[in-house]
């Protein structure tokens, strides 16, 4: 046994030649073997969408993968790792996804990546999905009501993720919009 620290080697394919020599200097036939080294698992990341963004409808997940031995395959899972789907590309990859097939909220995207030697890694990212429109209930003014003095609006609005703002547009008799922001 001749110990060779793996840390002294590099990634990729190597060739080792082994031969023996007796005390009289006679050398036997060499034996040549090829072997592959992968010092670390391949890396992968989802770069779009970022966790700060909320997406809806059809989107394209995109990301990067890297390994010194090259990337053989990348897959993603949107259903907590129950199923994985092939992406398009390898080092730079994309996956088209209809967010309407999952519930609104924050979901984990699992990313599996394999290098050209079959070594794999698994990573995760988060995706925020909101496909549900805000709901508005307008109690006042009643449809067709007559108002003099102060105009009063009353109602409720809700959204399962969060409401950014509420705008009111009033059209006058000339059909000109007047916008009131809250």
Protein backbone atom coordinates (compact mmCIF):
# COMPACT_ATOMS: atom_id res chain seq x y z
CA UNK A 1 0.00 0.00 0.00
CA UNK A 2 1.26 3.41 -0.98
CA UNK A 3 -0.87 6.13 0.66
CA UNK A 4 -1.68 9.05 -1.65
CA UNK A 5 -3.80 11.78 -0.05
CA UNK A 6 -6.85 12.55 -2.18
CA UNK A 7 -6.32 16.23 -1.41
CA UNK A 8 -3.08 16.10 -3.41
CA UNK A 9 -5.00 15.06 -6.52
CA UNK A 10 -7.18 17.09 -8.88
CA UNK A 11 -10.64 16.48 -10.34
CA UNK A 12 -11.13 14.61 -13.62
CA UNK A 13 -9.71 11.40 -15.08
CA UNK A 14 -6.28 10.07 -14.09
CA UNK A 15 -4.16 7.13 -15.21
CA UNK A 16 -2.09 5.02 -12.86
CA UNK A 17 0.63 2.68 -14.07
CA UNK A 18 1.84 0.00 -11.65
CA UNK A 19 4.85 -2.21 -12.24
CA UNK A 20 7.17 -4.29 -10.11
CA UNK A 21 10.91 -4.76 -10.27
CA UNK A 22 12.73 -7.64 -8.62
CA UNK A 23 16.10 -7.50 -6.84
CA UNK A 24 17.94 -8.24 -10.03
CA UNK A 25 16.35 -5.37 -11.93
CA UNK A 26 13.86 -7.43 -13.94
CA UNK A 27 10.73 -5.34 -14.51
CA UNK A 28 7.34 -7.00 -14.92
CA UNK A 29 4.61 -5.97 -17.35
CA UNK A 30 3.01 -2.71 -16.29
CA UNK A 31 -0.69 -2.59 -15.44
CA UNK A 32 -2.49 0.59 -16.46
CA UNK A 33 -5.79 1.66 -14.92
CA UNK A 34 -7.87 4.77 -15.40
CA UNK A 35 -9.80 6.26 -12.50
CA UNK A 36 -11.83 9.38 -11.93
CA UNK A 37 -11.68 11.79 -9.04
CA UNK A 38 -14.41 14.13 -7.91
CA UNK A 39 -13.26 16.13 -4.90
CA UNK A 40 -16.67 17.66 -4.22
CA UNK A 41 -20.29 17.29 -5.24
CA UNK A 42 -21.61 19.46 -8.07
CA UNK A 43 -23.20 22.79 -7.12
CA UNK A 44 -26.53 24.23 -8.29
CA UNK A 45 -28.64 27.29 -7.59
CA UNK A 46 -31.94 28.83 -8.68
CA UNK A 47 -31.40 32.49 -9.60
CA UNK A 48 -34.91 33.32 -10.82
CA UNK A 49 -37.23 33.95 -9.21
CA UNK A 50 -35.51 35.28 -6.11
CA UNK A 51 -37.08 34.90 -2.68
CA UNK A 52 -37.89 38.63 -2.67
CA UNK A 53 -40.19 38.22 -5.68
CA UNK A 54 -43.75 36.90 -5.81
CA UNK A 55 -44.70 35.27 -9.11
CA UNK A 56 -47.85 33.97 -10.78
CA UNK A 57 -49.03 32.29 -13.98
CA UNK A 58 -46.48 30.75 -16.34
CA UNK A 59 -42.89 31.44 -15.30
CA UNK A 60 -39.44 30.17 -16.20
CA UNK A 61 -37.27 29.04 -13.31
CA UNK A 62 -33.61 29.57 -14.17
CA UNK A 63 -30.33 28.80 -12.53
CA UNK A 64 -26.72 27.73 -12.75
CA UNK A 65 -24.85 24.49 -12.06
CA UNK A 66 -21.12 23.88 -11.87
CA UNK A 67 -18.54 21.17 -11.28
CA UNK A 68 -14.92 20.73 -12.36
CA UNK A 69 -15.92 17.41 -13.96
CA UNK A 70 -18.75 19.00 -15.98
CA UNK A 71 -22.52 18.78 -15.49
CA UNK A 72 -24.42 15.78 -16.85
CA UNK A 73 -27.98 16.54 -15.72
CA UNK A 74 -30.11 18.91 -13.64
CA UNK A 75 -33.64 18.27 -12.37
CA UNK A 76 -36.11 20.31 -10.30
CA UNK A 77 -38.99 19.41 -8.01
CA UNK A 78 -41.87 21.70 -7.09
CA UNK A 79 -43.79 19.07 -5.08
CA UNK A 80 -41.52 18.62 -2.05
CA UNK A 81 -39.26 16.12 -3.81
CA UNK A 82 -42.01 13.63 -4.75
CA UNK A 83 -41.17 13.98 -8.44
CA UNK A 84 -38.26 15.54 -10.32
CA UNK A 85 -38.37 16.96 -13.85
CA UNK A 86 -35.52 17.48 -16.30
CA UNK A 87 -34.57 21.08 -17.03
CA UNK A 88 -33.36 22.55 -20.32
CA UNK A 89 -29.60 23.08 -20.27
CA UNK A 90 -26.89 22.09 -17.83
CA UNK A 91 -24.46 24.76 -16.58
CA UNK A 92 -27.10 27.38 -17.35
CA UNK A 93 -30.56 25.84 -17.05
CA UNK A 94 -34.26 26.75 -17.23
CA UNK A 95 -37.59 25.10 -16.45
CA UNK A 96 -41.02 26.33 -17.56
CA UNK A 97 -43.59 26.09 -14.79
CA UNK A 98 -47.29 26.90 -14.42
CA UNK A 99 -47.62 28.23 -10.87
CA UNK A 100 -51.40 27.72 -10.96
CA UNK A 101 -50.96 23.97 -10.30
CA UNK A 102 -49.85 24.63 -6.70
CA UNK A 103 -51.45 26.58 -3.88
CA UNK A 104 -50.54 30.19 -3.23
CA UNK A 105 -47.77 30.68 -0.70
CA UNK A 106 -44.10 29.92 -0.26
CA UNK A 107 -42.84 26.63 -1.71
CA UNK A 108 -39.52 24.79 -1.75
CA UNK A 109 -37.86 24.18 -5.12
CA UNK A 110 -35.47 21.22 -4.91
CA UNK A 111 -32.63 21.07 -7.43
CA UNK A 112 -30.76 17.82 -8.13
CA UNK A 113 -27.54 18.02 -10.11
CA UNK A 114 -25.20 15.28 -11.40
CA UNK A 115 -21.65 15.69 -12.63
CA UNK A 116 -20.24 13.67 -15.53
CA UNK A 117 -19.00 10.99 -13.08
CA UNK A 118 -22.43 10.34 -11.57
CA UNK A 119 -21.76 12.25 -8.34
CA UNK A 120 -24.87 14.19 -7.37
CA UNK A 121 -25.84 17.02 -5.07
CA UNK A 122 -29.18 18.40 -3.95
CA UNK A 123 -29.97 22.01 -3.18
CA UNK A 124 -33.09 24.02 -2.41
CA UNK A 125 -34.55 27.44 -2.99
CA UNK A 126 -37.84 29.13 -2.10
CA UNK A 127 -40.49 30.47 -4.46
CA UNK A 128 -43.39 32.77 -3.53
CA UNK A 129 -46.58 32.21 -5.54
CA UNK A 130 -49.74 34.36 -5.62
CA UNK A 131 -52.36 33.58 -8.28
CA UNK A 132 -55.41 34.73 -6.29
CA UNK A 133 -56.88 38.19 -6.94
CA UNK A 134 -57.76 40.42 -3.97
CA UNK A 135 -61.46 40.30 -3.01
CA UNK A 136 -63.40 43.57 -2.69
CA UNK A 137 -66.78 44.12 -1.01
CA UNK A 138 -68.17 47.66 -1.50
CA UNK A 139 -71.04 48.42 0.90
CA UNK A 140 -71.41 52.16 0.30
CA UNK A 141 -72.34 54.03 -1.76
CA UNK A 142 -75.19 51.84 -2.92
CA UNK A 143 -75.59 51.39 -6.66
CA UNK A 144 -77.74 54.25 -8.04
CA UNK A 145 -77.72 56.23 -4.77
CA UNK A 146 -77.85 60.03 -4.74
CA UNK A 147 -75.26 61.88 -2.69
CA UNK A 148 -75.08 65.47 -1.54
CA UNK A 149 -72.54 66.79 0.90
CA UNK A 150 -69.77 64.30 1.70
CA UNK A 151 -69.26 61.16 -0.37
CA UNK A 152 -68.63 58.18 1.90
CA UNK A 153 -67.10 54.86 0.85
CA UNK A 154 -67.36 51.77 3.01
CA UNK A 155 -66.27 48.22 2.33
CA UNK A 156 -63.63 45.53 2.80
CA UNK A 157 -60.78 44.13 0.78
CA UNK A 158 -58.80 40.98 1.51
CA UNK A 159 -55.96 39.06 -0.07
CA UNK A 160 -54.47 35.74 0.98
CA UNK A 161 -50.88 37.03 0.63
CA UNK A 162 -51.20 40.72 1.47
CA UNK A 163 -52.66 43.91 0.06
CA UNK A 164 -50.29 46.49 -1.42
CA UNK A 165 -52.77 49.32 -2.00
CA UNK A 166 -56.40 50.17 -2.77
CA UNK A 167 -57.29 52.66 -5.50
CA UNK A 168 -60.67 54.25 -6.25
CA UNK A 169 -61.48 55.55 -9.73
CA UNK A 170 -64.51 57.84 -10.11
CA UNK A 171 -65.80 58.72 -13.58
CA UNK A 172 -67.62 62.01 -13.93
CA UNK A 173 -70.41 62.71 -16.45
CA UNK A 174 -67.80 63.56 -19.10
CA UNK A 175 -66.37 60.05 -18.59
CA UNK A 176 -63.08 61.46 -17.27
CA UNK A 177 -61.31 59.35 -14.64
CA UNK A 178 -60.40 60.82 -11.29
CA UNK A 179 -58.02 58.54 -9.41
CA UNK A 180 -57.86 58.45 -5.61
CA UNK A 181 -55.06 56.43 -4.04
CA UNK A 182 -55.05 55.06 -0.53
